N, C-alpha and C. Protein backbone atom coordinates (compact mmCIF):
# COMPACT_ATOMS: atom_id res chain seq x y z
N MET A 1 -30.64 5.31 11.52
CA MET A 1 -30.08 5.02 10.18
C MET A 1 -28.84 4.17 10.44
N ASN A 2 -28.76 3.09 9.70
CA ASN A 2 -27.59 2.19 9.78
C ASN A 2 -26.66 2.43 8.61
N LYS A 3 -25.59 1.62 8.48
CA LYS A 3 -24.64 1.85 7.48
C LYS A 3 -25.22 1.62 6.07
N THR A 4 -26.10 0.65 5.88
CA THR A 4 -26.75 0.37 4.63
C THR A 4 -27.62 1.61 4.22
N ASP A 5 -28.40 2.09 5.18
CA ASP A 5 -29.22 3.32 4.84
C ASP A 5 -28.41 4.48 4.48
N LEU A 6 -27.25 4.66 5.16
CA LEU A 6 -26.36 5.74 4.88
C LEU A 6 -25.73 5.61 3.47
N THR A 7 -25.37 4.37 3.16
CA THR A 7 -24.80 4.12 1.79
C THR A 7 -25.79 4.42 0.72
N ASN A 8 -27.11 4.02 0.96
CA ASN A 8 -28.13 4.28 0.02
C ASN A 8 -28.38 5.78 -0.16
N ALA A 9 -28.36 6.52 0.95
CA ALA A 9 -28.56 7.94 0.94
C ALA A 9 -27.42 8.65 0.19
N ILE A 10 -26.17 8.20 0.38
CA ILE A 10 -25.03 8.77 -0.29
C ILE A 10 -25.16 8.50 -1.82
N ALA A 11 -25.53 7.28 -2.14
CA ALA A 11 -25.64 6.94 -3.54
C ALA A 11 -26.73 7.80 -4.26
N GLU A 12 -27.84 7.99 -3.61
CA GLU A 12 -28.92 8.77 -4.15
C GLU A 12 -28.48 10.28 -4.31
N LYS A 13 -27.95 10.80 -3.26
CA LYS A 13 -27.64 12.27 -3.29
C LYS A 13 -26.47 12.58 -4.20
N ALA A 14 -25.51 11.68 -4.33
CA ALA A 14 -24.30 11.92 -5.10
C ALA A 14 -24.39 11.40 -6.53
N GLY A 15 -25.44 10.68 -6.81
CA GLY A 15 -25.58 10.06 -8.11
C GLY A 15 -24.61 9.00 -8.39
N LEU A 16 -24.29 8.27 -7.36
CA LEU A 16 -23.29 7.11 -7.50
C LEU A 16 -24.11 5.82 -7.45
N SER A 17 -23.41 4.74 -7.83
CA SER A 17 -24.01 3.44 -7.69
C SER A 17 -23.85 3.08 -6.17
N LYS A 18 -24.63 2.14 -5.71
CA LYS A 18 -24.55 1.73 -4.29
C LYS A 18 -23.19 1.11 -4.03
N VAL A 19 -22.59 0.45 -4.95
CA VAL A 19 -21.22 -0.17 -4.77
C VAL A 19 -20.21 0.93 -4.54
N ASP A 20 -20.29 1.96 -5.43
CA ASP A 20 -19.34 3.12 -5.32
C ASP A 20 -19.55 3.85 -4.01
N ALA A 21 -20.83 4.10 -3.65
CA ALA A 21 -21.05 4.80 -2.42
C ALA A 21 -20.62 4.03 -1.19
N LYS A 22 -20.69 2.69 -1.24
CA LYS A 22 -20.19 1.85 -0.13
C LYS A 22 -18.68 1.95 -0.07
N LYS A 23 -18.02 1.90 -1.21
CA LYS A 23 -16.52 2.07 -1.22
C LYS A 23 -16.17 3.43 -0.68
N ALA A 24 -16.88 4.51 -1.09
CA ALA A 24 -16.53 5.87 -0.61
C ALA A 24 -16.72 5.93 0.91
N LEU A 25 -17.80 5.39 1.41
CA LEU A 25 -18.10 5.46 2.83
C LEU A 25 -17.05 4.63 3.63
N ASP A 26 -16.73 3.43 3.10
CA ASP A 26 -15.69 2.57 3.83
C ASP A 26 -14.34 3.31 3.79
N ALA A 27 -14.00 3.95 2.66
CA ALA A 27 -12.73 4.64 2.61
C ALA A 27 -12.72 5.85 3.61
N THR A 28 -13.84 6.55 3.70
CA THR A 28 -13.97 7.68 4.61
C THR A 28 -13.77 7.17 6.09
N ILE A 29 -14.42 6.10 6.44
CA ILE A 29 -14.32 5.57 7.78
C ILE A 29 -12.89 5.09 8.07
N ALA A 30 -12.28 4.45 7.05
CA ALA A 30 -10.89 3.98 7.29
C ALA A 30 -9.90 5.16 7.47
N ALA A 31 -10.17 6.21 6.68
CA ALA A 31 -9.24 7.37 6.77
C ALA A 31 -9.38 8.09 8.14
N ILE A 32 -10.60 8.20 8.61
CA ILE A 32 -10.85 8.84 9.90
C ILE A 32 -10.23 7.95 11.00
N THR A 33 -10.47 6.63 10.93
CA THR A 33 -9.87 5.72 11.91
C THR A 33 -8.33 5.74 11.94
N ALA A 34 -7.72 5.80 10.76
CA ALA A 34 -6.29 5.85 10.67
C ALA A 34 -5.74 7.15 11.32
N ALA A 35 -6.43 8.25 11.02
CA ALA A 35 -5.99 9.56 11.60
C ALA A 35 -6.09 9.53 13.10
N LEU A 36 -7.18 9.00 13.64
CA LEU A 36 -7.38 8.94 15.03
C LEU A 36 -6.34 8.01 15.71
N LYS A 37 -6.05 6.89 15.03
CA LYS A 37 -5.02 5.96 15.60
C LYS A 37 -3.63 6.67 15.68
N ALA A 38 -3.38 7.54 14.69
CA ALA A 38 -2.13 8.30 14.66
C ALA A 38 -2.09 9.42 15.66
N GLY A 39 -3.20 9.69 16.28
CA GLY A 39 -3.27 10.77 17.30
C GLY A 39 -3.71 12.12 16.72
N ASP A 40 -4.12 12.15 15.43
CA ASP A 40 -4.52 13.39 14.80
C ASP A 40 -5.98 13.61 15.09
N LYS A 41 -6.44 14.91 14.91
CA LYS A 41 -7.87 15.25 14.94
C LYS A 41 -8.31 15.28 13.51
N VAL A 42 -9.60 15.03 13.29
CA VAL A 42 -10.16 15.20 11.99
C VAL A 42 -11.27 16.15 12.07
N ALA A 43 -11.11 17.37 11.48
CA ALA A 43 -12.08 18.44 11.56
C ALA A 43 -12.80 18.57 10.18
N LEU A 44 -14.06 18.36 10.19
CA LEU A 44 -14.91 18.60 8.99
C LEU A 44 -15.70 19.87 9.18
N VAL A 45 -15.24 20.94 8.61
CA VAL A 45 -15.82 22.31 8.86
C VAL A 45 -17.27 22.27 8.62
N GLY A 46 -18.07 22.73 9.57
CA GLY A 46 -19.51 22.82 9.51
C GLY A 46 -20.17 21.52 10.07
N PHE A 47 -19.45 20.44 10.03
CA PHE A 47 -20.03 19.18 10.55
C PHE A 47 -19.57 18.82 11.95
N GLY A 48 -18.23 18.80 12.19
CA GLY A 48 -17.75 18.50 13.52
C GLY A 48 -16.35 18.05 13.49
N THR A 49 -15.87 17.70 14.69
CA THR A 49 -14.48 17.25 14.84
C THR A 49 -14.37 15.90 15.61
N PHE A 50 -13.61 15.02 15.06
CA PHE A 50 -13.36 13.76 15.68
C PHE A 50 -12.00 13.92 16.35
N ALA A 51 -11.81 13.46 17.61
CA ALA A 51 -10.61 13.53 18.30
C ALA A 51 -10.48 12.36 19.32
N VAL A 52 -9.25 12.15 19.75
CA VAL A 52 -8.98 11.07 20.75
C VAL A 52 -8.70 11.71 22.08
N SER A 53 -9.32 11.26 23.15
CA SER A 53 -8.97 11.74 24.46
C SER A 53 -8.49 10.58 25.32
N LYS A 54 -7.66 10.90 26.30
CA LYS A 54 -7.18 9.87 27.20
C LYS A 54 -8.03 9.86 28.53
N ARG A 55 -8.34 8.71 28.95
CA ARG A 55 -9.01 8.51 30.25
C ARG A 55 -7.97 7.93 31.17
N ASN A 56 -7.71 8.51 32.26
CA ASN A 56 -6.73 7.99 33.23
C ASN A 56 -7.31 6.78 33.95
N ALA A 57 -6.39 6.01 34.44
CA ALA A 57 -6.78 4.85 35.28
C ALA A 57 -7.43 5.31 36.54
N ARG A 58 -8.43 4.61 37.06
CA ARG A 58 -9.12 5.09 38.27
C ARG A 58 -9.69 3.91 39.03
N THR A 59 -10.13 4.15 40.17
CA THR A 59 -10.72 3.10 41.03
C THR A 59 -12.22 3.34 40.97
N GLY A 60 -12.91 2.18 40.67
CA GLY A 60 -14.34 2.17 40.66
C GLY A 60 -14.87 1.18 41.68
N ILE A 61 -16.22 1.03 41.66
CA ILE A 61 -16.83 0.16 42.62
C ILE A 61 -17.75 -0.84 41.84
N ASN A 62 -17.51 -2.12 42.10
CA ASN A 62 -18.38 -3.17 41.50
C ASN A 62 -19.78 -3.04 42.19
N PRO A 63 -20.80 -2.73 41.40
CA PRO A 63 -22.12 -2.54 42.01
C PRO A 63 -22.73 -3.75 42.65
N GLN A 64 -22.28 -4.96 42.28
CA GLN A 64 -22.83 -6.20 42.85
C GLN A 64 -22.16 -6.51 44.16
N THR A 65 -20.81 -6.40 44.24
CA THR A 65 -20.10 -6.77 45.42
C THR A 65 -19.74 -5.60 46.30
N LYS A 66 -19.83 -4.45 45.79
CA LYS A 66 -19.48 -3.15 46.48
C LYS A 66 -17.98 -3.11 46.78
N GLN A 67 -17.10 -3.93 46.08
CA GLN A 67 -15.76 -3.91 46.27
C GLN A 67 -15.07 -2.96 45.28
N ALA A 68 -13.93 -2.41 45.71
CA ALA A 68 -13.22 -1.48 44.83
C ALA A 68 -12.54 -2.31 43.71
N ILE A 69 -12.57 -1.77 42.48
CA ILE A 69 -11.91 -2.42 41.37
C ILE A 69 -11.12 -1.37 40.68
N LYS A 70 -10.05 -1.81 39.98
CA LYS A 70 -9.24 -0.89 39.22
C LYS A 70 -9.69 -0.82 37.75
N ILE A 71 -9.88 0.33 37.26
CA ILE A 71 -10.32 0.57 35.87
C ILE A 71 -9.11 1.04 35.15
N ALA A 72 -8.74 0.37 34.06
CA ALA A 72 -7.45 0.67 33.37
C ALA A 72 -7.66 1.99 32.54
N ALA A 73 -6.53 2.65 32.34
CA ALA A 73 -6.51 3.79 31.45
C ALA A 73 -6.84 3.38 30.01
N LYS A 74 -7.41 4.29 29.24
CA LYS A 74 -7.73 3.95 27.89
C LYS A 74 -7.88 5.21 27.02
N LYS A 75 -7.78 5.06 25.72
CA LYS A 75 -8.05 6.13 24.82
C LYS A 75 -9.46 5.98 24.27
N GLN A 76 -10.12 7.16 24.11
CA GLN A 76 -11.49 7.13 23.70
C GLN A 76 -11.74 8.06 22.59
N ALA A 77 -12.51 7.64 21.53
CA ALA A 77 -12.82 8.58 20.45
C ALA A 77 -13.96 9.49 20.92
N LYS A 78 -13.85 10.73 20.52
CA LYS A 78 -14.86 11.75 20.86
C LYS A 78 -15.23 12.48 19.56
N PHE A 79 -16.51 12.95 19.54
CA PHE A 79 -17.00 13.71 18.43
C PHE A 79 -17.64 14.96 19.03
N LYS A 80 -17.27 16.13 18.44
CA LYS A 80 -17.88 17.39 18.80
C LYS A 80 -18.56 17.98 17.64
N ALA A 81 -19.90 18.17 17.66
CA ALA A 81 -20.60 18.66 16.56
C ALA A 81 -20.23 20.13 16.25
N GLY A 82 -20.16 20.49 14.96
CA GLY A 82 -19.88 21.87 14.53
C GLY A 82 -21.11 22.73 14.64
N ALA A 83 -20.89 24.00 14.48
CA ALA A 83 -21.98 24.96 14.62
C ALA A 83 -23.06 24.78 13.59
N GLU A 84 -22.75 24.48 12.34
CA GLU A 84 -23.74 24.30 11.30
C GLU A 84 -24.58 23.03 11.57
N LEU A 85 -23.99 21.94 12.11
CA LEU A 85 -24.73 20.77 12.40
C LEU A 85 -25.63 21.09 13.60
N ASP A 86 -25.16 21.72 14.62
CA ASP A 86 -26.01 22.07 15.75
C ASP A 86 -27.19 22.91 15.32
N LYS A 87 -26.97 23.82 14.40
CA LYS A 87 -28.00 24.73 13.94
C LYS A 87 -29.01 23.93 13.15
N ALA A 88 -28.56 23.00 12.31
CA ALA A 88 -29.43 22.25 11.45
C ALA A 88 -30.35 21.29 12.20
N ILE A 89 -29.98 20.84 13.35
CA ILE A 89 -30.80 19.89 14.11
C ILE A 89 -31.70 20.56 15.16
N GLN A 90 -31.59 21.86 15.27
CA GLN A 90 -32.45 22.58 16.25
C GLN A 90 -33.85 22.69 15.76
């Protein structure tokens, strides 16, 4: 399912126009992104939790040259599914 399919599903289930559903989805994504940028967690009870984790700098190996390379530290978005979502997909 891509963003267009998701927008169409939201419009159908919520009884919204596709334009309103797209605005709602875009606003939801923007709000989650802003919260993660600020370092907050976003917990949607029953669905899951979005959070940011730090990956430390480390040394890796270039598979082509077998030489050591430095991999920079970075922040990474993570999602942990909630119990209800896990149960629903079983």
